[in-house]
Amino acid sequence: MIVPPARWKIVVISLAGIVPLLEAASYLLAPHLADLPTWARPLISAAVVIPLMQYAVMPALTRAARGFLYPAPPGGAPWPARPHP
């Protein structure tokens, strides 16, 4: 059985993904959102950033950080890449 990663590790990986994504979204979206009402800007930004984070960034980061999130058990073989049914 694979034990879920510690919550602090998930926070670290989430920060590693969300900070650059928010910076890129701010840089790319700000010129296009400048004429919109103040309340609409974060809604549109969130509508862009959240799906990107959920479906593109986090899966890639989770795969890249597999060894950090799921370290090998002491004295044992590394965890399998995918759990067996």
N, C-alpha and C. Protein backbone atom coordinates (compact mmCIF):
# COMPACT_ATOMS: atom_id res chain seq x y z
N MET A 1 0.84 -1.18 0.00
CA MET A 1 0.00 0.00 0.00
C MET A 1 0.89 1.25 0.00
N ILE A 2 0.57 2.19 -0.86
CA ILE A 2 1.33 3.43 -0.93
C ILE A 2 0.73 4.44 0.03
N VAL A 3 1.57 4.96 0.90
CA VAL A 3 1.15 5.94 1.89
C VAL A 3 1.11 7.32 1.22
N PRO A 4 0.05 8.10 1.43
CA PRO A 4 0.01 9.44 0.85
C PRO A 4 1.17 10.29 1.37
N PRO A 5 1.64 11.23 0.56
CA PRO A 5 2.74 12.09 1.02
C PRO A 5 2.30 12.99 2.16
N ALA A 6 3.28 13.44 2.92
CA ALA A 6 3.00 14.37 4.01
C ALA A 6 2.41 15.66 3.44
N ARG A 7 1.54 16.30 4.19
CA ARG A 7 0.89 17.51 3.72
C ARG A 7 1.88 18.62 3.42
N TRP A 8 2.96 18.71 4.19
CA TRP A 8 3.93 19.78 3.95
C TRP A 8 4.61 19.59 2.60
N LYS A 9 4.77 18.33 2.19
CA LYS A 9 5.38 18.07 0.89
C LYS A 9 4.44 18.51 -0.24
N ILE A 10 3.16 18.28 -0.06
CA ILE A 10 2.18 18.72 -1.05
C ILE A 10 2.17 20.25 -1.13
N VAL A 11 2.30 20.91 0.02
CA VAL A 11 2.37 22.38 0.03
C VAL A 11 3.58 22.87 -0.75
N VAL A 12 4.73 22.24 -0.54
CA VAL A 12 5.95 22.64 -1.24
C VAL A 12 5.79 22.48 -2.75
N ILE A 13 5.26 21.35 -3.18
CA ILE A 13 5.06 21.11 -4.61
C ILE A 13 4.02 22.07 -5.17
N SER A 14 2.96 22.33 -4.43
CA SER A 14 1.94 23.28 -4.89
C SER A 14 2.51 24.68 -5.04
N LEU A 15 3.31 25.11 -4.09
CA LEU A 15 3.94 26.43 -4.20
C LEU A 15 4.89 26.50 -5.39
N ALA A 16 5.62 25.41 -5.62
CA ALA A 16 6.54 25.38 -6.76
C ALA A 16 5.80 25.50 -8.08
N GLY A 17 4.54 25.11 -8.11
CA GLY A 17 3.76 25.23 -9.33
C GLY A 17 2.96 26.51 -9.43
N ILE A 18 2.38 26.94 -8.32
CA ILE A 18 1.45 28.07 -8.37
C ILE A 18 2.16 29.40 -8.50
N VAL A 19 3.30 29.58 -7.88
CA VAL A 19 3.98 30.89 -7.93
C VAL A 19 4.41 31.23 -9.36
N PRO A 20 5.13 30.36 -10.07
CA PRO A 20 5.48 30.73 -11.45
C PRO A 20 4.24 30.85 -12.36
N LEU A 21 3.24 30.02 -12.12
CA LEU A 21 2.03 30.08 -12.94
C LEU A 21 1.30 31.41 -12.72
N LEU A 22 1.19 31.85 -11.47
CA LEU A 22 0.55 33.14 -11.19
C LEU A 22 1.34 34.30 -11.79
N GLU A 23 2.66 34.23 -11.70
CA GLU A 23 3.49 35.29 -12.29
C GLU A 23 3.30 35.35 -13.80
N ALA A 24 3.31 34.20 -14.44
CA ALA A 24 3.14 34.16 -15.90
C ALA A 24 1.74 34.65 -16.29
N ALA A 25 0.74 34.21 -15.55
CA ALA A 25 -0.63 34.64 -15.85
C ALA A 25 -0.78 36.15 -15.65
N SER A 26 -0.20 36.69 -14.61
CA SER A 26 -0.28 38.13 -14.37
C SER A 26 0.39 38.89 -15.51
N TYR A 27 1.55 38.43 -15.91
CA TYR A 27 2.29 39.09 -16.98
C TYR A 27 1.53 39.03 -18.30
N LEU A 28 0.96 37.86 -18.61
CA LEU A 28 0.30 37.68 -19.90
C LEU A 28 -1.13 38.23 -19.94
N LEU A 29 -1.84 38.17 -18.81
CA LEU A 29 -3.24 38.58 -18.80
C LEU A 29 -3.45 40.05 -18.46
N ALA A 30 -2.55 40.65 -17.70
CA ALA A 30 -2.75 42.02 -17.22
C ALA A 30 -3.07 43.01 -18.34
N PRO A 31 -2.36 43.00 -19.45
CA PRO A 31 -2.69 43.98 -20.49
C PRO A 31 -4.11 43.79 -21.07
N HIS A 32 -4.58 42.55 -21.09
CA HIS A 32 -5.89 42.27 -21.65
C HIS A 32 -7.02 42.52 -20.66
N LEU A 33 -6.70 42.54 -19.37
CA LEU A 33 -7.73 42.71 -18.34
C LEU A 33 -7.79 44.14 -17.81
N ALA A 34 -6.93 45.00 -18.26
CA ALA A 34 -6.82 46.36 -17.70
C ALA A 34 -8.12 47.14 -17.79
N ASP A 35 -8.91 46.93 -18.83
CA ASP A 35 -10.14 47.70 -19.01
C ASP A 35 -11.34 47.11 -18.28
N LEU A 36 -11.19 45.96 -17.70
CA LEU A 36 -12.30 45.31 -16.99
C LEU A 36 -12.45 45.87 -15.58
N PRO A 37 -13.62 45.69 -14.99
CA PRO A 37 -13.80 46.12 -13.59
C PRO A 37 -12.84 45.36 -12.66
N THR A 38 -12.48 45.99 -11.58
CA THR A 38 -11.52 45.41 -10.64
C THR A 38 -11.97 44.04 -10.14
N TRP A 39 -13.26 43.85 -9.89
CA TRP A 39 -13.75 42.58 -9.36
C TRP A 39 -13.66 41.46 -10.40
N ALA A 40 -13.65 41.79 -11.69
CA ALA A 40 -13.64 40.76 -12.73
C ALA A 40 -12.24 40.21 -13.00
N ARG A 41 -11.22 40.99 -12.75
CA ARG A 41 -9.85 40.57 -13.06
C ARG A 41 -9.43 39.30 -12.33
N PRO A 42 -9.60 39.25 -10.99
CA PRO A 42 -9.18 38.00 -10.33
C PRO A 42 -10.05 36.80 -10.70
N LEU A 43 -11.31 37.04 -11.03
CA LEU A 43 -12.16 35.92 -11.44
C LEU A 43 -11.68 35.30 -12.74
N ILE A 44 -11.32 36.14 -13.69
CA ILE A 44 -10.83 35.63 -14.97
C ILE A 44 -9.46 34.97 -14.78
N SER A 45 -8.61 35.59 -13.98
CA SER A 45 -7.30 35.00 -13.72
C SER A 45 -7.43 33.63 -13.07
N ALA A 46 -8.33 33.53 -12.09
CA ALA A 46 -8.54 32.25 -11.41
C ALA A 46 -9.12 31.21 -12.37
N ALA A 47 -10.01 31.64 -13.27
CA ALA A 47 -10.60 30.72 -14.23
C ALA A 47 -9.55 30.18 -15.20
N VAL A 48 -8.47 30.91 -15.39
CA VAL A 48 -7.38 30.44 -16.25
C VAL A 48 -6.38 29.61 -15.45
N VAL A 49 -5.98 30.11 -14.28
CA VAL A 49 -4.90 29.49 -13.51
C VAL A 49 -5.33 28.17 -12.87
N ILE A 50 -6.51 28.08 -12.32
CA ILE A 50 -6.92 26.87 -11.60
C ILE A 50 -6.96 25.64 -12.51
N PRO A 51 -7.60 25.70 -13.69
CA PRO A 51 -7.56 24.51 -14.55
C PRO A 51 -6.14 24.16 -15.02
N LEU A 52 -5.34 25.18 -15.32
CA LEU A 52 -3.95 24.89 -15.72
C LEU A 52 -3.20 24.20 -14.59
N MET A 53 -3.40 24.68 -13.38
CA MET A 53 -2.71 24.08 -12.23
C MET A 53 -3.19 22.64 -12.01
N GLN A 54 -4.49 22.43 -12.08
CA GLN A 54 -5.07 21.12 -11.80
C GLN A 54 -4.74 20.07 -12.85
N TYR A 55 -4.81 20.46 -14.12
CA TYR A 55 -4.72 19.46 -15.19
C TYR A 55 -3.38 19.43 -15.92
N ALA A 56 -2.56 20.45 -15.77
CA ALA A 56 -1.28 20.46 -16.49
C ALA A 56 -0.09 20.52 -15.54
N VAL A 57 -0.08 21.50 -14.66
CA VAL A 57 1.10 21.74 -13.83
C VAL A 57 1.26 20.70 -12.72
N MET A 58 0.22 20.46 -11.94
CA MET A 58 0.35 19.52 -10.82
C MET A 58 0.65 18.08 -11.26
N PRO A 59 0.01 17.55 -12.30
CA PRO A 59 0.41 16.20 -12.72
C PRO A 59 1.89 16.13 -13.13
N ALA A 60 2.36 17.14 -13.84
CA ALA A 60 3.76 17.15 -14.25
C ALA A 60 4.69 17.27 -13.05
N LEU A 61 4.35 18.15 -12.11
CA LEU A 61 5.19 18.30 -10.91
C LEU A 61 5.16 17.05 -10.05
N THR A 62 4.01 16.42 -9.95
CA THR A 62 3.89 15.20 -9.15
C THR A 62 4.76 14.09 -9.73
N ARG A 63 4.76 13.96 -11.06
CA ARG A 63 5.63 12.96 -11.69
C ARG A 63 7.09 13.31 -11.48
N ALA A 64 7.43 14.59 -11.65
CA ALA A 64 8.83 15.01 -11.51
C ALA A 64 9.32 14.86 -10.07
N ALA A 65 8.44 15.02 -9.10
CA ALA A 65 8.83 14.97 -7.69
C ALA A 65 8.43 13.65 -7.03
N ARG A 66 8.26 12.60 -7.81
CA ARG A 66 7.82 11.31 -7.26
C ARG A 66 8.75 10.83 -6.15
N GLY A 67 10.06 10.96 -6.34
CA GLY A 67 11.00 10.52 -5.32
C GLY A 67 10.92 11.32 -4.03
N PHE A 68 10.57 12.59 -4.14
CA PHE A 68 10.39 13.45 -2.97
C PHE A 68 9.08 13.13 -2.26
N LEU A 69 8.02 12.97 -3.03
CA LEU A 69 6.71 12.73 -2.44
C LEU A 69 6.55 11.31 -1.90
N TYR A 70 7.13 10.35 -2.60
CA TYR A 70 7.00 8.94 -2.22
C TYR A 70 8.38 8.30 -2.10
N PRO A 71 9.13 8.63 -1.05
CA PRO A 71 10.47 8.05 -0.91
C PRO A 71 10.39 6.54 -0.67
N ALA A 72 11.47 5.88 -1.00
CA ALA A 72 11.52 4.43 -0.80
C ALA A 72 11.44 4.12 0.70
N PRO A 73 10.71 3.07 1.07
CA PRO A 73 10.64 2.70 2.47
C PRO A 73 12.01 2.25 2.97
N PRO A 74 12.30 2.43 4.25
CA PRO A 74 13.60 2.03 4.77
C PRO A 74 13.88 0.55 4.52
N GLY A 75 15.02 0.28 3.91
CA GLY A 75 15.43 -1.10 3.69
C GLY A 75 14.65 -1.83 2.63
N GLY A 76 13.82 -1.13 1.89
CA GLY A 76 13.00 -1.81 0.88
C GLY A 76 13.25 -1.29 -0.51
N ALA A 77 12.59 -1.90 -1.43
CA ALA A 77 12.68 -1.46 -2.83
C ALA A 77 11.87 -0.18 -3.00
N PRO A 78 12.17 0.59 -4.02
CA PRO A 78 11.38 1.80 -4.27
C PRO A 78 9.92 1.44 -4.53
N TRP A 79 9.07 2.42 -4.30
CA TRP A 79 7.64 2.22 -4.54
C TRP A 79 7.42 1.94 -6.01
N PRO A 80 6.43 1.16 -6.35
CA PRO A 80 6.12 0.94 -7.76
C PRO A 80 5.65 2.25 -8.41
N ALA A 81 5.89 2.36 -9.72
CA ALA A 81 5.48 3.57 -10.45
C ALA A 81 3.97 3.74 -10.38
N ARG A 82 3.24 2.63 -10.47
CA ARG A 82 1.78 2.68 -10.39
C ARG A 82 1.32 1.55 -9.48
N PRO A 83 0.30 1.82 -8.66
CA PRO A 83 -0.19 0.74 -7.82
C PRO A 83 -0.85 -0.36 -8.65
N HIS A 84 -0.67 -1.59 -8.20
CA HIS A 84 -1.28 -2.72 -8.90
C HIS A 84 -2.70 -2.89 -8.42
N PRO A 85 -3.61 -3.23 -9.34
CA PRO A 85 -5.03 -3.40 -8.92
C PRO A 85 -5.24 -4.60 -8.05
